Amino acid sequence: MASTFDSTLSSLGISATKSTSAAAATAKSTSLGTSDFLKLLTAQLQNQDPFSPTDNSQMVAQLAQITSTSGIADMGTTLKAIQTKLGATSTADALSYVGKTILTEGSTAYGRTSGGIAGAAEIDGDASAVRVAIKDANGQLLNTLDLGAQKAGTINYDWDGKTASGTDAGAGPFTVSVSASSASGSVAGRNLVWAPVSTVSVPASGSPTLTVPGVGQVALSAVRQVG
């Protein structure tokens, strides 16, 4: 059976192990291409017994099979094009962050020109008490913000730049930490700071990263908000 099949292909100018398509001219293939299938189908129609022609359902099944295979190949090409486009878009989006201010996880904050800082406390569960501690560069406690009971999520805060005694705390930098608790114990939380993006690194492979003064390298996925 195999030799008869190979002979039939050979008489049609088709190799059973190599496609005659342009794409296969420089690479070996172990399967028939679309053009090979059409040649074989045409030969089948030309050489069929007129008194016992090929069943229509079989013909439709063969056509559906090659159409499905061709469609899958085209889909793969389309997906690769989409992947390339998305990669380019991701790079362009990352570069657009330069000069903007982002909200991301961090413990170092710099004072605004008008004084004080704005940030957010992010907690993983409901808490009966949430506090934000602000210290100076020497680790001395300047003030504590009591945010009260809060649901899990992000709680924005704004500090006016005054110490607990009412004096001006200066421009910083300040070290900020978040603590939260509930009736069952402590609740995990972290501080989010607003900081400007100075540069963007776009590696040959992998995701772009943002350089944020006082914070360091920040992945795009770590950006909570853009100001």
Protein backbone atom coordinates (compact mmCIF):
# COMPACT_ATOMS: atom_id res chain seq x y z
CA MET A 1 0.00 0.00 0.00
CA ALA A 2 2.75 2.40 0.97
CA SER A 3 4.73 1.72 -2.24
CA THR A 4 1.61 2.23 -4.41
CA PHE A 5 0.91 5.50 -2.63
CA ASP A 6 4.50 6.65 -3.10
CA SER A 7 4.35 5.70 -6.79
CA THR A 8 1.19 7.70 -7.26
CA LEU A 9 2.79 10.72 -5.63
CA SER A 10 5.93 10.28 -7.73
CA SER A 11 3.91 10.23 -10.97
CA LEU A 12 2.40 13.55 -9.93
CA GLY A 13 5.78 15.07 -9.19
CA ILE A 14 5.22 14.99 -5.43
CA SER A 15 7.72 13.73 -2.87
CA ALA A 16 6.26 11.92 0.14
CA THR A 17 8.93 13.38 2.39
CA LYS A 18 9.40 16.84 0.92
CA SER A 19 6.88 19.53 0.01
CA THR A 20 7.26 21.25 -3.38
CA SER A 21 6.11 24.59 -2.04
CA ALA A 22 8.45 27.57 -2.04
CA ALA A 23 8.62 27.52 1.74
CA ALA A 24 9.97 23.96 1.67
CA ALA A 25 12.58 24.66 -0.97
CA THR A 26 15.21 25.30 1.68
CA ALA A 27 13.94 23.02 4.45
CA LYS A 28 12.89 19.37 4.58
CA SER A 29 9.29 18.48 5.45
CA THR A 30 7.78 15.23 6.66
CA SER A 31 4.22 16.07 5.58
CA LEU A 32 2.31 17.14 2.48
CA GLY A 33 1.66 20.81 1.86
CA THR A 34 -1.57 22.42 0.67
CA SER A 35 -0.49 22.45 -2.99
CA ASP A 36 0.47 18.77 -2.72
CA PHE A 37 -2.94 17.93 -1.33
CA LEU A 38 -4.70 19.74 -4.16
CA LYS A 39 -2.61 17.89 -6.76
CA LEU A 40 -3.45 14.57 -5.12
CA LEU A 41 -7.15 15.46 -4.94
CA THR A 42 -7.18 16.45 -8.62
CA ALA A 43 -5.49 13.18 -9.60
CA GLN A 44 -8.04 11.29 -7.52
CA LEU A 45 -10.89 12.95 -9.42
CA GLN A 46 -9.25 12.36 -12.81
CA ASN A 47 -8.58 8.69 -12.16
CA GLN A 48 -11.70 7.66 -10.28
CA ASP A 49 -13.94 4.93 -11.66
CA PRO A 50 -16.88 6.73 -13.37
CA PHE A 51 -19.15 3.84 -12.32
CA SER A 52 -18.02 4.09 -8.72
CA PRO A 53 -17.09 7.73 -8.09
CA THR A 54 -15.62 8.96 -4.81
CA ASP A 55 -18.26 9.41 -2.13
CA ASN A 56 -19.19 13.10 -1.71
CA SER A 57 -18.99 12.87 2.08
CA GLN A 58 -15.42 11.60 1.83
CA MET A 59 -14.53 14.43 -0.53
CA VAL A 60 -15.98 17.02 1.85
CA ALA A 61 -14.14 15.45 4.79
CA GLN A 62 -10.83 15.66 2.90
CA LEU A 63 -11.41 19.29 1.98
CA ALA A 64 -12.36 20.11 5.58
CA GLN A 65 -9.19 18.47 6.86
CA ILE A 66 -6.81 20.44 4.64
CA THR A 67 -8.77 23.66 5.27
CA SER A 68 -8.48 23.12 9.02
CA THR A 69 -4.74 22.46 8.79
CA SER A 70 -4.19 25.52 6.63
CA GLY A 71 -6.29 27.61 9.00
CA ILE A 72 -4.22 26.54 12.00
CA ALA A 73 -1.02 27.52 10.19
CA ASP A 74 -2.47 30.92 9.31
CA MET A 75 -3.62 31.37 12.91
CA GLY A 76 -0.09 30.72 14.15
CA THR A 77 1.27 33.41 11.81
CA THR A 78 -1.41 35.85 12.96
CA LEU A 79 -0.70 35.19 16.65
CA LYS A 80 3.02 35.81 16.12
CA ALA A 81 2.20 39.14 14.46
CA ILE A 82 -0.06 40.07 17.38
CA GLN A 83 2.66 39.12 19.86
CA THR A 84 5.16 41.34 18.06
CA LYS A 85 2.68 44.22 18.04
CA LEU A 86 1.92 43.85 21.73
CA GLY A 87 5.63 43.81 22.55
CA ALA A 88 6.13 47.07 20.65
CA THR A 89 3.14 48.62 22.39
CA SER A 90 4.48 47.59 25.80
CA THR A 91 7.81 49.30 25.08
CA ALA A 92 6.12 52.48 23.87
CA ASP A 93 3.88 52.52 26.94
CA ALA A 94 6.91 52.13 29.22
CA LEU A 95 8.76 55.01 27.58
CA SER A 96 5.72 57.26 28.06
CA TYR A 97 6.18 56.97 31.86
CA VAL A 98 9.32 59.15 31.81
CA GLY A 99 8.60 62.46 33.56
CA LYS A 100 5.36 61.21 35.09
CA THR A 101 4.67 60.53 38.75
CA ILE A 102 3.55 57.07 39.79
CA LEU A 103 2.14 55.50 42.93
CA THR A 104 4.09 52.39 43.87
CA GLU A 105 5.31 50.48 46.90
CA GLY A 106 8.11 52.24 48.76
CA SER A 107 9.23 53.57 52.12
CA THR A 108 11.08 56.74 51.07
CA ALA A 109 9.12 59.89 50.26
CA TYR A 110 10.21 63.42 49.39
CA GLY A 111 8.29 66.48 50.49
CA ARG A 112 6.23 68.52 48.05
CA THR A 113 7.16 72.13 47.31
CA SER A 114 4.06 73.13 49.29
CA GLY A 115 5.14 70.89 52.18
CA GLY A 116 4.16 67.45 53.40
CA ILE A 117 3.59 64.29 51.39
CA ALA A 118 0.71 62.36 49.88
CA GLY A 119 0.65 58.58 49.75
CA ALA A 120 -1.46 55.54 50.44
CA ALA A 121 -1.62 52.61 52.84
CA GLU A 122 -2.36 49.27 51.23
CA ILE A 123 -3.67 46.54 53.55
CA ASP A 124 -4.46 42.92 52.74
CA GLY A 125 -7.40 42.51 55.13
CA ASP A 126 -9.96 44.45 57.12
CA ALA A 127 -8.38 46.29 60.05
CA SER A 128 -9.73 47.96 63.16
CA ALA A 129 -6.75 50.34 63.24
CA VAL A 130 -4.39 51.59 60.55
CA ARG A 131 -1.47 53.91 61.31
CA VAL A 132 1.16 55.61 59.17
CA ALA A 133 4.45 56.47 60.87
CA ILE A 134 6.64 59.20 59.36
CA LYS A 135 10.30 59.49 60.36
CA ASP A 136 13.16 61.76 59.32
CA ALA A 137 16.41 60.69 57.68
CA ASN A 138 17.89 59.88 61.13
CA GLY A 139 15.03 57.56 62.05
CA GLN A 140 13.40 59.98 64.49
CA LEU A 141 9.60 59.78 64.59
CA LEU A 142 8.09 63.02 63.30
CA ASN A 143 4.37 62.23 63.28
CA THR A 144 1.85 59.42 63.18
CA LEU A 145 -1.31 59.48 61.08
CA ASP A 146 -4.23 57.52 62.54
CA LEU A 147 -6.44 56.31 59.67
CA GLY A 148 -8.84 54.42 61.95
CA ALA A 149 -10.74 51.26 60.96
CA GLN A 150 -10.45 50.41 57.26
CA LYS A 151 -11.56 47.74 54.83
CA ALA A 152 -8.98 45.76 52.86
CA GLY A 153 -7.56 47.77 49.98
CA THR A 154 -5.90 51.13 49.45
CA ILE A 155 -6.40 54.10 51.77
CA ASN A 156 -5.11 57.48 50.62
CA TYR A 157 -3.58 59.89 53.14
CA ASP A 158 -2.13 63.39 53.08
CA TRP A 159 0.39 64.68 55.63
CA ASP A 160 0.75 68.45 55.99
CA GLY A 161 4.46 68.29 56.77
CA LYS A 162 4.14 69.20 60.44
CA THR A 163 5.61 67.24 63.32
CA ALA A 164 3.51 66.08 66.26
CA SER A 165 4.49 69.30 68.06
CA GLY A 166 3.39 71.47 65.12
CA THR A 167 6.81 72.48 63.74
CA ASP A 168 7.82 72.27 60.07
CA ALA A 169 9.43 68.90 59.32
CA GLY A 170 11.33 70.13 56.24
CA ALA A 171 11.57 68.65 52.75
CA GLY A 172 12.77 65.18 53.69
CA PRO A 173 13.51 62.59 52.58
CA PHE A 174 11.11 60.85 54.96
CA THR A 175 10.80 57.20 55.86
CA VAL A 176 7.20 56.04 55.91
CA SER A 177 5.80 52.76 57.28
CA VAL A 178 2.31 51.31 57.66
CA SER A 179 0.98 49.20 60.53
CA ALA A 180 -2.48 47.66 60.74
CA SER A 181 -4.24 45.40 63.22
CA SER A 182 -7.56 43.70 63.87
CA ALA A 183 -9.12 41.78 66.75
CA SER A 184 -7.32 38.64 65.56
CA GLY A 185 -3.87 40.25 65.32
CA SER A 186 -1.75 42.20 62.88
CA VAL A 187 -2.82 42.76 59.26
CA ALA A 188 -0.25 42.75 56.48
CA GLY A 189 0.17 46.13 54.85
CA ARG A 190 2.60 48.34 52.98
CA ASN A 191 3.16 51.97 52.17
CA LEU A 192 2.69 53.40 48.68
CA VAL A 193 4.55 56.54 47.67
CA TRP A 194 4.22 59.03 44.85
CA ALA A 195 7.50 59.42 43.00
CA PRO A 196 8.68 60.61 39.56
CA VAL A 197 10.00 58.28 36.87
CA SER A 198 13.47 59.38 35.74
CA THR A 199 14.37 56.71 33.16
CA VAL A 200 13.08 53.50 31.60
CA SER A 201 15.14 50.38 30.92
CA VAL A 202 14.06 48.24 27.97
CA PRO A 203 15.99 44.92 27.97
CA ALA A 204 16.43 42.75 24.90
CA SER A 205 14.20 40.19 26.59
CA GLY A 206 11.78 40.56 29.45
CA SER A 207 9.61 43.43 30.62
CA PRO A 208 10.68 47.11 30.79
CA THR A 209 11.48 48.56 34.21
CA LEU A 210 11.13 52.10 35.53
CA THR A 211 13.83 53.90 37.51
CA VAL A 212 12.22 55.84 40.37
CA PRO A 213 14.37 58.03 42.68
CA GLY A 214 14.13 56.91 46.29
CA VAL A 215 12.46 53.64 45.27
CA GLY A 216 14.74 52.01 42.72
CA GLN A 217 13.76 49.74 39.86
CA VAL A 218 10.01 49.31 39.48
CA ALA A 219 8.27 46.82 37.19
CA LEU A 220 5.32 48.09 35.16
CA SER A 221 3.09 45.62 36.99
CA ALA A 222 4.01 47.30 40.31
CA VAL A 223 2.57 50.67 39.28
CA ARG A 224 -0.68 51.25 41.19
CA GLN A 225 -1.55 54.62 39.69
CA VAL A 226 -0.16 57.30 37.39
CA GLY A 227 -0.42 60.96 38.36
